[in-house]
Amino acid sequence: MPDTITETARLWLFDIDGTLVAPSDDQLNAWVATFREVFGLQTSPAAISSHLGQTFAQVVDAVVEAHEQTVFPPRLQQALDTYTRHVRNGLAARPVRLLPGARELLEFLKGQRDLVGVVTGNFPAEGEPKLHRVGLRDLLNVVVYADLAVPGRDGLVRRALDVARALGFPGGFADTVVVGDSVHDIASARRTGALAVAVCTGFTPRAALAAARPDLLVPDLPALLSLLRQPGARWAPSSSSA
């Protein structure tokens, strides 16, 4: 993050899975079941996990094309319906768990008059139950879910900034911070000009996150909160990591 400490309001955009809530094997299992039922592919969680953090269509394209198949629009919608069904069954059996420090961090940022939001590859039918279950939904100023009309995660970040500006946020991408647990979160921040904070609480190994060169790499949200609470400072130097 920048060495210069400013009082400019920021827009903080968090991923959900692996960032605000604990990563779940149910999500990977839902992907495995979807590829088996819709495309007849036998895949493993390991073959899918590196693609998480992208939009639904990007994940489907990456895995299916690796098996030398083509994804046509009707099958993409079928895949989404199948995946959503499996995810909701998983959520009903094993509700998601809030990661340590998530609520405290969001409340701290709002106390600093920053805007907080979510940018996620989840669709509403997947994301809304998670956010309500862990009690974060009412803390969020901006919530942007994926849909099949947005081809990449960059578009979701841009959409979130548009929503924030409609709420009166005066800043731009340089005043936006993307917090996530995957290299795709970092890449989308880089491409839009936002700042990237990576947390080591998802499926992506720390070494892979470090190689993607985020502005800040922290082990978890309590570590990020600790940095932001340092006396007199809202920002840690760009060379810092915890």
Foldseek 3Di string as FASTA:
>chain_A
DAPDFDLAAFEEAEEPDLAFWFHDVLLLVLLQVLCCPLVVDHDDSVLQQQVAPKALVSSVQVSQVVVVDDDDVVSSVVSVVSSLVSLVVVCVVPPIGTDPQNVVLLVVSVVSVHAYEYQYNADCSNPVSNCVVHVNPVSHPFYFYDDPVDRISLVSVVVRVVSVVVVPRPDAQCRYEYEYAHLRSQVSSVVRVHAYEHEPRYDDHPVRNVVSQGQEYEPGNVVVVVVCPPPPHNDDHSPDYD
